[in-house]
């Protein structure tokens, strides 16, 4: 029996070592995608719901889905001038930890602005590490 255990110990150590390397590699991949220090902004995700006003008319309302930590990035912006109105569209990206059920019909509230989500994409290689919410805030001002 002693000979068998002497032959199993090196294999067990090799398997443990490979497992640790695999875990370490996986953690490195997650760190690239989702460093906790980069998720430094608090955002509120909301979805649209129909509500009735005091006249019984159906209007648009919003209900909270989640408040999460996110990384915020400005992608680009554009200004348009039409009929004495100035319209600014600011493209942004929020990176959050993976959360099921988010879609482009939802909005993000950040720093007092409402951002319409245009796309929800996964971070990483389909391992549900995180999500990237791409969207925009549009501001319309009267006058030139």
Protein backbone atom coordinates (compact mmCIF):
# COMPACT_ATOMS: atom_id res chain seq x y z
CA UNK A 1 0.00 0.00 0.00
CA UNK A 2 2.91 2.28 0.71
CA UNK A 3 4.11 2.03 -2.89
CA UNK A 4 0.69 3.05 -4.21
CA UNK A 5 0.48 6.16 -2.03
CA UNK A 6 4.04 7.10 -2.99
CA UNK A 7 2.97 7.03 -6.68
CA UNK A 8 -0.30 8.92 -6.07
CA UNK A 9 1.19 11.84 -4.13
CA UNK A 10 3.06 13.36 -7.13
CA UNK A 11 -0.06 13.03 -9.31
CA UNK A 12 -2.25 14.58 -6.63
CA UNK A 13 0.19 17.47 -6.29
CA UNK A 14 0.25 17.92 -10.07
CA UNK A 15 -3.56 17.99 -10.24
CA UNK A 16 -3.77 20.47 -7.37
CA UNK A 17 -1.15 22.65 -9.05
CA UNK A 18 -3.01 22.60 -12.36
CA UNK A 19 -6.26 23.44 -10.61
CA UNK A 20 -4.64 26.40 -8.87
CA UNK A 21 -3.16 27.66 -12.13
CA UNK A 22 -6.55 27.33 -13.78
CA UNK A 23 -8.26 29.22 -10.97
CA UNK A 24 -5.54 31.87 -11.04
CA UNK A 25 -5.93 32.24 -14.83
CA UNK A 26 -9.70 32.58 -14.45
CA UNK A 27 -9.29 35.25 -11.78
CA UNK A 28 -6.84 37.13 -14.02
CA UNK A 29 -9.41 37.09 -16.83
CA UNK A 30 -12.12 38.40 -14.48
CA UNK A 31 -9.82 41.14 -13.22
CA UNK A 32 -9.26 42.34 -16.77
CA UNK A 33 -12.99 42.53 -17.34
CA UNK A 34 -14.27 43.63 -13.94
CA UNK A 35 -11.90 45.36 -11.54
CA UNK A 36 -13.92 46.27 -8.48
CA UNK A 37 -12.16 49.64 -8.15
CA UNK A 38 -13.38 50.66 -11.60
CA UNK A 39 -17.02 50.14 -10.60
CA UNK A 40 -17.10 53.44 -8.74
CA UNK A 41 -20.43 54.97 -9.77
CA UNK A 42 -23.86 54.17 -8.38
CA UNK A 43 -26.59 53.87 -11.02
CA UNK A 44 -30.30 53.11 -10.90
CA UNK A 45 -31.79 50.90 -13.61
CA UNK A 46 -35.50 51.37 -14.33
CA UNK A 47 -38.04 49.83 -16.66
CA UNK A 48 -41.09 51.41 -18.25
CA UNK A 49 -44.54 50.52 -16.90
CA UNK A 50 -47.98 51.79 -17.83
CA UNK A 51 -49.72 53.78 -15.07
CA UNK A 52 -53.00 55.66 -14.93
CA UNK A 53 -53.16 59.36 -14.16
CA UNK A 54 -55.93 61.10 -12.22
CA UNK A 55 -58.11 61.20 -15.38
CA UNK A 56 -57.82 57.45 -15.97
CA UNK A 57 -55.50 57.90 -18.96
CA UNK A 58 -52.68 55.43 -19.40
CA UNK A 59 -49.31 57.19 -19.25
CA UNK A 60 -45.69 56.14 -19.02
CA UNK A 61 -44.19 55.49 -15.61
CA UNK A 62 -40.95 53.98 -14.35
CA UNK A 63 -40.25 51.32 -11.73
CA UNK A 64 -36.86 50.58 -10.15
CA UNK A 65 -35.18 47.34 -11.25
CA UNK A 66 -31.85 47.61 -9.42
CA UNK A 67 -29.28 49.97 -7.96
CA UNK A 68 -25.80 48.74 -8.88
CA UNK A 69 -22.15 49.78 -9.02
CA UNK A 70 -20.90 50.69 -12.49
CA UNK A 71 -18.02 52.10 -14.49
CA UNK A 72 -19.07 55.17 -16.49
CA UNK A 73 -17.51 56.18 -19.82
CA UNK A 74 -18.44 58.91 -22.27
CA UNK A 75 -18.19 57.54 -25.80
CA UNK A 76 -19.01 60.59 -27.93
CA UNK A 77 -21.46 63.41 -28.33
CA UNK A 78 -23.24 65.28 -31.13
CA UNK A 79 -25.02 68.61 -31.40
CA UNK A 80 -27.85 69.32 -33.85
CA UNK A 81 -29.68 72.57 -34.58
CA UNK A 82 -33.27 72.30 -35.85
CA UNK A 83 -36.09 74.85 -35.87
CA UNK A 84 -34.55 77.10 -33.21
CA UNK A 85 -33.80 74.15 -30.94
CA UNK A 86 -30.45 72.76 -29.94
CA UNK A 87 -30.33 69.02 -29.36
CA UNK A 88 -27.34 67.32 -27.72
CA UNK A 89 -26.94 63.55 -27.75
CA UNK A 90 -24.31 62.15 -25.39
CA UNK A 91 -23.33 58.51 -26.04
CA UNK A 92 -22.25 56.69 -22.87
CA UNK A 93 -21.31 53.24 -21.64
CA UNK A 94 -21.97 51.70 -18.21
CA UNK A 95 -20.12 48.50 -17.26
CA UNK A 96 -21.74 46.49 -14.44
CA UNK A 97 -21.49 43.02 -12.94
CA UNK A 98 -23.62 40.44 -14.74
CA UNK A 99 -27.33 40.70 -14.02
CA UNK A 100 -29.99 38.76 -15.96
CA UNK A 101 -33.09 40.37 -17.41
CA UNK A 102 -31.76 43.74 -18.60
CA UNK A 103 -32.80 44.93 -22.08
CA UNK A 104 -32.83 48.03 -24.31
CA UNK A 105 -36.31 49.09 -23.18
CA UNK A 106 -34.84 50.12 -19.82
CA UNK A 107 -33.12 53.31 -18.71
CA UNK A 108 -30.28 54.22 -16.38
CA UNK A 109 -30.47 57.12 -13.97
CA UNK A 110 -27.01 58.50 -13.21
CA UNK A 111 -26.07 61.86 -11.73
CA UNK A 112 -29.59 63.23 -12.26
CA UNK A 113 -29.72 62.29 -15.96
CA UNK A 114 -31.84 59.60 -17.62
CA UNK A 115 -29.93 57.52 -20.19
CA UNK A 116 -31.87 55.41 -22.69
CA UNK A 117 -30.24 51.97 -23.02
CA UNK A 118 -29.63 51.11 -26.69
CA UNK A 119 -27.66 47.88 -26.29
CA UNK A 120 -26.86 45.30 -23.61
CA UNK A 121 -23.71 43.25 -24.25
CA UNK A 122 -21.66 40.78 -22.22
CA UNK A 123 -18.17 41.51 -20.92
CA UNK A 124 -15.63 38.75 -21.37
CA UNK A 125 -16.11 35.55 -23.26
CA UNK A 126 -19.73 34.70 -22.46
CA UNK A 127 -18.97 33.73 -18.87
CA UNK A 128 -21.47 36.12 -17.35
CA UNK A 129 -18.74 38.24 -15.78
CA UNK A 130 -20.41 41.54 -16.57
CA UNK A 131 -22.57 43.61 -18.88
CA UNK A 132 -21.98 46.75 -20.91
CA UNK A 133 -25.02 49.01 -21.18
CA UNK A 134 -24.58 51.40 -24.11
CA UNK A 135 -26.97 54.31 -24.28
CA UNK A 136 -27.49 58.02 -24.61
CA UNK A 137 -28.90 61.04 -22.88
CA UNK A 138 -30.62 63.60 -25.05
CA UNK A 139 -31.07 67.19 -24.02
CA UNK A 140 -33.23 69.60 -26.04
CA UNK A 141 -33.00 73.35 -25.46
CA UNK A 142 -35.07 76.06 -27.08
CA UNK A 143 -33.21 78.80 -28.91
CA UNK A 144 -29.90 78.67 -30.74
